[in-house]
Amino acid sequence: MAFVILDPCRGEKSGECVTVCPVDCIEEGPEQFYIDPDVCIDCGACKAVCPVDAIVEEYDMTPDQEKYLEEAEEFFGTG
């Protein structure tokens, strides 16, 4: 399982998540940051520092939020 960045990041892009990630799996996209689901080690460091509470664990997503995981997979070319 990986963490996923949701809609509250769009337009915010504060970036604290990038600096705390121990495996450098978070990258900035045009509208928001994305977590590489193949590299994420599920440590939760990013979730703890997100000022807009935009990061959730993959298994906690609702069906309408699954598009954010798909976007991340497309961004990293894994989907």
C-alpha atoms as a PDB file:
ATOM      1  CA  MET A   1       0.000   0.000   0.000  1.00  0.00           C
ATOM      2  CA  ALA A   2       1.057   3.550  -0.688  1.00  0.00           C
ATOM      3  CA  PHE A   3      -0.042   6.987   0.329  1.00  0.00           C
ATOM      4  CA  VAL A   4      -1.949   9.134  -2.167  1.00  0.00           C
ATOM      5  CA  ILE A   5      -2.211  12.910  -2.434  1.00  0.00           C
ATOM      6  CA  LEU A   6      -5.759  14.176  -2.955  1.00  0.00           C
ATOM      7  CA  ASP A   7      -7.454  17.348  -4.194  1.00  0.00           C
ATOM      8  CA  PRO A   8      -6.614  19.684  -1.262  1.00  0.00           C
ATOM      9  CA  CYS A   9      -3.038  19.779  -2.589  1.00  0.00           C
ATOM     10  CA  ARG A  10      -4.147  21.320  -5.897  1.00  0.00           C
ATOM     11  CA  GLY A  11      -3.195  24.957  -5.841  1.00  0.00           C
ATOM     12  CA  GLU A  12      -1.599  24.636  -2.376  1.00  0.00           C
ATOM     13  CA  LYS A  13       1.583  22.692  -3.180  1.00  0.00           C
ATOM     14  CA  SER A  14       3.366  23.675   0.026  1.00  0.00           C
ATOM     15  CA  GLY A  15       5.956  20.888  -0.317  1.00  0.00           C
ATOM     16  CA  GLU A  16       6.644  19.827   3.265  1.00  0.00           C
ATOM     17  CA  CYS A  17       5.917  16.267   2.170  1.00  0.00           C
ATOM     18  CA  VAL A  18       8.829  16.295  -0.276  1.00  0.00           C
ATOM     19  CA  THR A  19      11.400  17.282   2.330  1.00  0.00           C
ATOM     20  CA  VAL A  20      10.429  14.581   4.840  1.00  0.00           C
ATOM     21  CA  CYS A  21      10.088  11.626   2.464  1.00  0.00           C
ATOM     22  CA  PRO A  22      12.938   9.196   3.238  1.00  0.00           C
ATOM     23  CA  VAL A  23      12.790   7.528  -0.206  1.00  0.00           C
ATOM     24  CA  ASP A  24      12.264  10.627  -2.388  1.00  0.00           C
ATOM     25  CA  CYS A  25       9.063   9.278  -3.936  1.00  0.00           C
ATOM     26  CA  ILE A  26       7.174  12.583  -4.056  1.00  0.00           C
ATOM     27  CA  GLU A  27       7.455  14.853  -7.081  1.00  0.00           C
ATOM     28  CA  GLU A  28       5.807  18.084  -8.090  1.00  0.00           C
ATOM     29  CA  GLY A  29       3.376  17.948 -10.991  1.00  0.00           C
ATOM     30  CA  PRO A  30       1.703  20.819 -12.807  1.00  0.00           C
ATOM     31  CA  GLU A  31      -1.200  21.120 -10.331  1.00  0.00           C
ATOM     32  CA  GLN A  32      -0.146  19.145  -7.263  1.00  0.00           C
ATOM     33  CA  PHE A  33       2.449  16.793  -5.814  1.00  0.00           C
ATOM     34  CA  TYR A  34       2.308  13.061  -6.559  1.00  0.00           C
ATOM     35  CA  ILE A  35       3.567  10.027  -4.637  1.00  0.00           C
ATOM     36  CA  ASP A  36       5.105   7.234  -6.678  1.00  0.00           C
ATOM     37  CA  PRO A  37       3.084   4.191  -5.568  1.00  0.00           C
ATOM     38  CA  ASP A  38       5.862   1.804  -6.582  1.00  0.00           C
ATOM     39  CA  VAL A  39       8.470   3.547  -4.420  1.00  0.00           C
ATOM     40  CA  CYS A  40       6.434   4.650  -1.381  1.00  0.00           C
ATOM     41  CA  ILE A  41       7.329   2.619   1.715  1.00  0.00           C
ATOM     42  CA  ASP A  42       4.140   3.613   3.571  1.00  0.00           C
ATOM     43  CA  CYS A  43       5.989   5.312   6.422  1.00  0.00           C
ATOM     44  CA  GLY A  44       3.463   8.144   6.857  1.00  0.00           C
ATOM     45  CA  ALA A  45       6.006  10.941   7.268  1.00  0.00           C
ATOM     46  CA  CYS A  46       4.360  12.918   4.461  1.00  0.00           C
ATOM     47  CA  LYS A  47       0.882  12.615   5.971  1.00  0.00           C
ATOM     48  CA  ALA A  48       2.100  13.892   9.314  1.00  0.00           C
ATOM     49  CA  VAL A  49       3.414  17.167   7.877  1.00  0.00           C
ATOM     50  CA  CYS A  50       0.792  17.974   5.226  1.00  0.00           C
ATOM     51  CA  PRO A  51      -0.728  21.339   6.200  1.00  0.00           C
ATOM     52  CA  VAL A  52      -3.910  20.754   4.179  1.00  0.00           C
ATOM     53  CA  ASP A  53      -4.531  17.116   5.175  1.00  0.00           C
ATOM     54  CA  ALA A  54      -4.378  16.012   1.524  1.00  0.00           C
ATOM     55  CA  ILE A  55      -2.603  12.681   2.032  1.00  0.00           C
ATOM     56  CA  VAL A  56      -4.369   9.395   2.732  1.00  0.00           C
ATOM     57  CA  GLU A  57      -3.430   5.748   2.695  1.00  0.00           C
ATOM     58  CA  GLU A  58      -4.478   3.991  -0.482  1.00  0.00           C
ATOM     59  CA  TYR A  59      -6.824   1.597   1.339  1.00  0.00           C
ATOM     60  CA  ASP A  60      -8.617   4.529   3.052  1.00  0.00           C
ATOM     61  CA  MET A  61      -9.645   6.162  -0.228  1.00  0.00           C
ATOM     62  CA  THR A  62     -13.295   6.355  -1.165  1.00  0.00           C
ATOM     63  CA  PRO A  63     -14.299   5.217  -4.660  1.00  0.00           C
ATOM     64  CA  ASP A  64     -14.527   8.822  -5.870  1.00  0.00           C
ATOM     65  CA  GLN A  65     -10.913   9.425  -4.728  1.00  0.00           C
ATOM     66  CA  GLU A  66      -9.420   6.528  -6.708  1.00  0.00           C
ATOM     67  CA  LYS A  67      -8.800   8.883  -9.623  1.00  0.00           C
ATOM     68  CA  TYR A  68      -5.949  10.454  -7.620  1.00  0.00           C
ATOM     69  CA  LEU A  69      -4.098   7.144  -7.454  1.00  0.00           C
ATOM     70  CA  GLU A  70      -4.666   6.715 -11.190  1.00  0.00           C
ATOM     71  CA  GLU A  71      -3.280  10.219 -11.792  1.00  0.00           C
ATOM     72  CA  ALA A  72      -0.179   9.395  -9.749  1.00  0.00           C
ATOM     73  CA  GLU A  73       0.347   6.158 -11.665  1.00  0.00           C
ATOM     74  CA  GLU A  74       0.037   8.052 -14.952  1.00  0.00           C
ATOM     75  CA  PHE A  75       2.409  10.766 -13.737  1.00  0.00           C
ATOM     76  CA  PHE A  76       5.076   8.178 -12.924  1.00  0.00           C
ATOM     77  CA  GLY A  77       4.279   5.997 -15.942  1.00  0.00           C
ATOM     78  CA  THR A  78       3.263   3.009 -13.842  1.00  0.00           C
ATOM     79  CA  GLY A  79      -0.445   2.916 -14.606  1.00  0.00           C
END
